[in-house]
Amino acid sequence: MTETGLSARVKSSLKVDRTVTAVSPACPAGTYVVGGGANIVQGHNTIALASSLASNPLLAGTWRVTAVTLIGGHSHPGSIQAFAICAK
């Protein structure tokens, strides 16, 4: 936690080589999600962000990001990185 009481949790997928890939970073026990987002690292496939939202901020404390492969089949597919902003 920082002086503001916020912390960030980051989780990455190794690659997006399926039709839909989901990543869900979780907040530590005793905290809850107040926001989040995603970063797409394009490879040779074309990837689009499908959703970026709180799974259930009061109970699960996770942020869920899904990405879709629009054009695939390449050896360097790309990846997604999801992050959750957590607070006490």
N, C-alpha and C. Protein backbone atom coordinates (compact mmCIF):
# COMPACT_ATOMS: atom_id res chain seq x y z
N MET A 1 0.84 -1.18 0.00
CA MET A 1 0.00 0.00 0.00
C MET A 1 0.89 1.25 0.00
N THR A 2 0.43 2.27 -0.66
CA THR A 2 1.13 3.54 -0.68
C THR A 2 0.53 4.46 0.38
N GLU A 3 1.03 5.67 0.45
CA GLU A 3 0.49 6.65 1.40
C GLU A 3 -0.98 6.95 1.13
N THR A 4 -1.40 6.79 -0.12
CA THR A 4 -2.79 7.04 -0.49
C THR A 4 -3.69 5.87 -0.11
N GLY A 5 -3.11 4.74 0.29
CA GLY A 5 -3.90 3.55 0.62
C GLY A 5 -4.22 2.70 -0.59
N LEU A 6 -3.63 3.01 -1.75
CA LEU A 6 -3.87 2.26 -2.97
C LEU A 6 -2.68 1.39 -3.32
N SER A 7 -2.93 0.27 -3.96
CA SER A 7 -1.87 -0.56 -4.48
C SER A 7 -2.32 -1.13 -5.82
N ALA A 8 -1.39 -1.58 -6.61
CA ALA A 8 -1.72 -2.16 -7.92
C ALA A 8 -1.27 -3.61 -7.96
N ARG A 9 -2.09 -4.44 -8.55
CA ARG A 9 -1.77 -5.85 -8.79
C ARG A 9 -1.78 -6.04 -10.29
N VAL A 10 -0.76 -6.70 -10.82
CA VAL A 10 -0.65 -6.90 -12.27
C VAL A 10 -0.56 -8.39 -12.56
N LYS A 11 -1.24 -8.81 -13.60
CA LYS A 11 -1.16 -10.20 -14.05
C LYS A 11 -1.14 -10.20 -15.57
N SER A 12 -0.26 -10.99 -16.16
CA SER A 12 -0.13 -11.04 -17.61
C SER A 12 -0.44 -12.43 -18.14
N SER A 13 -0.96 -12.47 -19.35
CA SER A 13 -1.06 -13.75 -20.05
C SER A 13 0.23 -13.88 -20.85
N LEU A 14 0.72 -15.09 -21.00
CA LEU A 14 1.93 -15.28 -21.77
C LEU A 14 1.70 -14.97 -23.24
N LYS A 15 0.56 -15.40 -23.75
CA LYS A 15 0.23 -15.09 -25.13
C LYS A 15 -1.27 -15.24 -25.34
N VAL A 16 -1.75 -14.51 -26.33
CA VAL A 16 -3.15 -14.61 -26.73
C VAL A 16 -3.14 -15.35 -28.05
N ASP A 17 -3.34 -16.67 -27.99
CA ASP A 17 -3.32 -17.45 -29.23
C ASP A 17 -4.59 -18.27 -29.40
N ARG A 18 -5.57 -18.00 -28.56
CA ARG A 18 -6.88 -18.64 -28.68
C ARG A 18 -7.89 -17.58 -29.08
N THR A 19 -9.10 -18.00 -29.33
CA THR A 19 -10.13 -17.04 -29.71
C THR A 19 -10.34 -15.99 -28.62
N VAL A 20 -10.50 -16.45 -27.35
CA VAL A 20 -10.70 -15.53 -26.23
C VAL A 20 -9.73 -15.92 -25.11
N THR A 21 -9.07 -14.94 -24.53
CA THR A 21 -8.16 -15.15 -23.41
C THR A 21 -8.59 -14.23 -22.28
N ALA A 22 -8.64 -14.76 -21.05
CA ALA A 22 -9.04 -13.96 -19.89
C ALA A 22 -7.91 -13.93 -18.86
N VAL A 23 -7.74 -12.79 -18.22
CA VAL A 23 -6.75 -12.60 -17.17
C VAL A 23 -7.44 -11.88 -16.02
N SER A 24 -7.22 -12.34 -14.78
CA SER A 24 -7.90 -11.75 -13.62
C SER A 24 -6.93 -11.54 -12.46
N PRO A 25 -6.32 -10.35 -12.36
CA PRO A 25 -5.50 -10.07 -11.18
C PRO A 25 -6.39 -9.91 -9.94
N ALA A 26 -5.93 -10.40 -8.81
CA ALA A 26 -6.70 -10.34 -7.57
C ALA A 26 -6.06 -9.40 -6.57
N CYS A 27 -6.88 -8.71 -5.81
CA CYS A 27 -6.39 -7.85 -4.73
C CYS A 27 -6.06 -8.71 -3.51
N PRO A 28 -5.12 -8.26 -2.68
CA PRO A 28 -4.78 -9.02 -1.48
C PRO A 28 -5.95 -9.04 -0.48
N ALA A 29 -5.93 -10.01 0.41
CA ALA A 29 -6.97 -10.12 1.44
C ALA A 29 -7.08 -8.80 2.22
N GLY A 30 -8.29 -8.41 2.53
CA GLY A 30 -8.52 -7.19 3.29
C GLY A 30 -8.62 -5.94 2.44
N THR A 31 -8.50 -6.08 1.12
CA THR A 31 -8.64 -4.94 0.21
C THR A 31 -9.70 -5.26 -0.83
N TYR A 32 -10.11 -4.24 -1.57
CA TYR A 32 -11.09 -4.45 -2.62
C TYR A 32 -10.71 -3.65 -3.86
N VAL A 33 -11.29 -4.01 -4.98
CA VAL A 33 -10.99 -3.38 -6.27
C VAL A 33 -11.70 -2.03 -6.36
N VAL A 34 -10.95 -0.99 -6.73
CA VAL A 34 -11.56 0.32 -6.98
C VAL A 34 -11.40 0.73 -8.44
N GLY A 35 -10.65 -0.05 -9.21
CA GLY A 35 -10.46 0.24 -10.63
C GLY A 35 -9.50 -0.74 -11.23
N GLY A 36 -9.25 -0.59 -12.51
CA GLY A 36 -8.33 -1.48 -13.20
C GLY A 36 -8.26 -1.14 -14.67
N GLY A 37 -7.57 -1.96 -15.41
CA GLY A 37 -7.43 -1.72 -16.83
C GLY A 37 -6.62 -2.80 -17.50
N ALA A 38 -6.21 -2.53 -18.74
CA ALA A 38 -5.50 -3.53 -19.52
C ALA A 38 -4.55 -2.88 -20.51
N ASN A 39 -3.55 -3.66 -20.90
CA ASN A 39 -2.59 -3.27 -21.91
C ASN A 39 -2.46 -4.44 -22.87
N ILE A 40 -2.59 -4.18 -24.15
CA ILE A 40 -2.40 -5.22 -25.16
C ILE A 40 -1.04 -5.03 -25.80
N VAL A 41 -0.24 -6.09 -25.80
CA VAL A 41 1.06 -6.08 -26.46
C VAL A 41 0.87 -6.85 -27.77
N GLN A 42 0.79 -6.12 -28.86
CA GLN A 42 0.53 -6.77 -30.15
C GLN A 42 1.74 -7.57 -30.59
N GLY A 43 1.47 -8.75 -31.09
CA GLY A 43 2.49 -9.57 -31.75
C GLY A 43 2.19 -9.50 -33.23
N HIS A 44 2.20 -10.66 -33.89
CA HIS A 44 1.86 -10.70 -35.31
C HIS A 44 0.38 -10.97 -35.52
N ASN A 45 -0.32 -11.40 -34.46
CA ASN A 45 -1.77 -11.55 -34.53
C ASN A 45 -2.42 -10.20 -34.28
N THR A 46 -3.68 -10.06 -34.65
CA THR A 46 -4.43 -8.85 -34.34
C THR A 46 -5.33 -9.16 -33.15
N ILE A 47 -5.12 -8.44 -32.04
CA ILE A 47 -5.83 -8.68 -30.79
C ILE A 47 -6.67 -7.46 -30.45
N ALA A 48 -7.88 -7.68 -29.96
CA ALA A 48 -8.76 -6.59 -29.53
C ALA A 48 -9.19 -6.84 -28.09
N LEU A 49 -9.30 -5.78 -27.33
CA LEU A 49 -9.80 -5.87 -25.96
C LEU A 49 -11.31 -6.07 -26.01
N ALA A 50 -11.80 -7.15 -25.36
CA ALA A 50 -13.23 -7.44 -25.37
C ALA A 50 -13.93 -6.86 -24.16
N SER A 51 -13.29 -6.94 -22.97
CA SER A 51 -13.89 -6.36 -21.77
C SER A 51 -12.82 -6.09 -20.73
N SER A 52 -13.11 -5.16 -19.85
CA SER A 52 -12.22 -4.80 -18.74
C SER A 52 -13.13 -4.27 -17.64
N LEU A 53 -13.39 -5.13 -16.61
CA LEU A 53 -14.34 -4.74 -15.57
C LEU A 53 -14.09 -5.49 -14.28
N ALA A 54 -14.68 -4.98 -13.21
CA ALA A 54 -14.57 -5.64 -11.91
C ALA A 54 -15.40 -6.91 -11.93
N SER A 55 -14.80 -8.03 -11.50
CA SER A 55 -15.54 -9.30 -11.44
C SER A 55 -16.63 -9.19 -10.39
N ASN A 56 -16.25 -8.82 -9.19
CA ASN A 56 -17.17 -8.56 -8.08
C ASN A 56 -16.34 -7.87 -7.02
N PRO A 57 -16.29 -6.55 -7.03
CA PRO A 57 -15.35 -5.83 -6.18
C PRO A 57 -15.52 -6.05 -4.69
N LEU A 58 -16.71 -6.33 -4.23
CA LEU A 58 -16.90 -6.48 -2.79
C LEU A 58 -16.60 -7.90 -2.30
N LEU A 59 -16.78 -8.89 -3.16
CA LEU A 59 -16.59 -10.27 -2.73
C LEU A 59 -15.29 -10.87 -3.25
N ALA A 60 -15.09 -10.86 -4.55
CA ALA A 60 -13.95 -11.54 -5.13
C ALA A 60 -12.68 -10.68 -5.14
N GLY A 61 -12.83 -9.38 -5.27
CA GLY A 61 -11.67 -8.50 -5.31
C GLY A 61 -10.79 -8.70 -6.52
N THR A 62 -11.39 -9.01 -7.67
CA THR A 62 -10.61 -9.20 -8.89
C THR A 62 -11.10 -8.27 -10.00
N TRP A 63 -10.21 -8.01 -10.94
CA TRP A 63 -10.53 -7.26 -12.14
C TRP A 63 -10.35 -8.22 -13.30
N ARG A 64 -11.33 -8.37 -14.16
CA ARG A 64 -11.27 -9.36 -15.24
C ARG A 64 -11.14 -8.66 -16.59
N VAL A 65 -10.15 -9.11 -17.33
CA VAL A 65 -9.90 -8.58 -18.67
C VAL A 65 -9.97 -9.73 -19.66
N THR A 66 -10.69 -9.53 -20.75
CA THR A 66 -10.71 -10.53 -21.82
C THR A 66 -10.28 -9.87 -23.13
N ALA A 67 -9.56 -10.64 -23.92
CA ALA A 67 -9.12 -10.18 -25.23
C ALA A 67 -9.49 -11.23 -26.27
N VAL A 68 -9.69 -10.79 -27.49
CA VAL A 68 -10.10 -11.67 -28.57
C VAL A 68 -9.07 -11.59 -29.69
N THR A 69 -8.69 -12.75 -30.21
CA THR A 69 -7.81 -12.79 -31.38
C THR A 69 -8.67 -12.64 -32.62
N LEU A 70 -8.47 -11.55 -33.37
CA LEU A 70 -9.24 -11.30 -34.57
C LEU A 70 -8.61 -11.97 -35.79
N ILE A 71 -7.29 -11.87 -35.89
CA ILE A 71 -6.53 -12.51 -36.96
C ILE A 71 -5.39 -13.25 -36.29
N GLY A 72 -5.33 -14.56 -36.43
CA GLY A 72 -4.34 -15.34 -35.69
C GLY A 72 -3.54 -16.28 -36.57
N GLY A 73 -2.88 -17.23 -35.89
CA GLY A 73 -2.12 -18.25 -36.59
C GLY A 73 -0.64 -17.96 -36.73
N HIS A 74 -0.15 -16.89 -36.12
CA HIS A 74 1.25 -16.53 -36.26
C HIS A 74 2.06 -17.05 -35.07
N SER A 75 3.36 -17.14 -35.24
CA SER A 75 4.23 -17.69 -34.19
C SER A 75 4.44 -16.72 -33.03
N HIS A 76 4.19 -15.44 -33.20
CA HIS A 76 4.31 -14.43 -32.13
C HIS A 76 2.94 -13.77 -31.95
N PRO A 77 2.05 -14.42 -31.16
CA PRO A 77 0.66 -13.97 -31.11
C PRO A 77 0.39 -12.67 -30.35
N GLY A 78 1.24 -12.26 -29.42
CA GLY A 78 0.96 -11.09 -28.59
C GLY A 78 0.45 -11.52 -27.23
N SER A 79 0.23 -10.55 -26.33
CA SER A 79 -0.22 -10.88 -24.97
C SER A 79 -1.05 -9.74 -24.42
N ILE A 80 -1.72 -10.03 -23.30
CA ILE A 80 -2.45 -8.98 -22.60
C ILE A 80 -1.94 -8.90 -21.16
N GLN A 81 -2.02 -7.72 -20.62
CA GLN A 81 -1.63 -7.47 -19.24
C GLN A 81 -2.80 -6.77 -18.57
N ALA A 82 -3.25 -7.33 -17.45
CA ALA A 82 -4.38 -6.74 -16.72
C ALA A 82 -3.87 -6.21 -15.39
N PHE A 83 -4.48 -5.13 -14.92
CA PHE A 83 -4.10 -4.64 -13.60
C PHE A 83 -5.33 -4.24 -12.82
N ALA A 84 -5.25 -4.45 -11.51
CA ALA A 84 -6.32 -4.07 -10.58
C ALA A 84 -5.77 -3.03 -9.60
N ILE A 85 -6.53 -1.99 -9.35
CA ILE A 85 -6.18 -0.99 -8.34
C ILE A 85 -6.95 -1.38 -7.06
N CYS A 86 -6.22 -1.57 -5.98
CA CYS A 86 -6.81 -2.09 -4.73
C CYS A 86 -6.74 -1.03 -3.63
N ALA A 87 -7.73 -1.04 -2.75
CA ALA A 87 -7.77 -0.12 -1.61
C ALA A 87 -8.30 -0.86 -0.39
N LYS A 88 -7.97 -0.32 0.81
CA LYS A 88 -8.48 -0.90 2.05
C LYS A 88 -9.88 -0.43 2.32
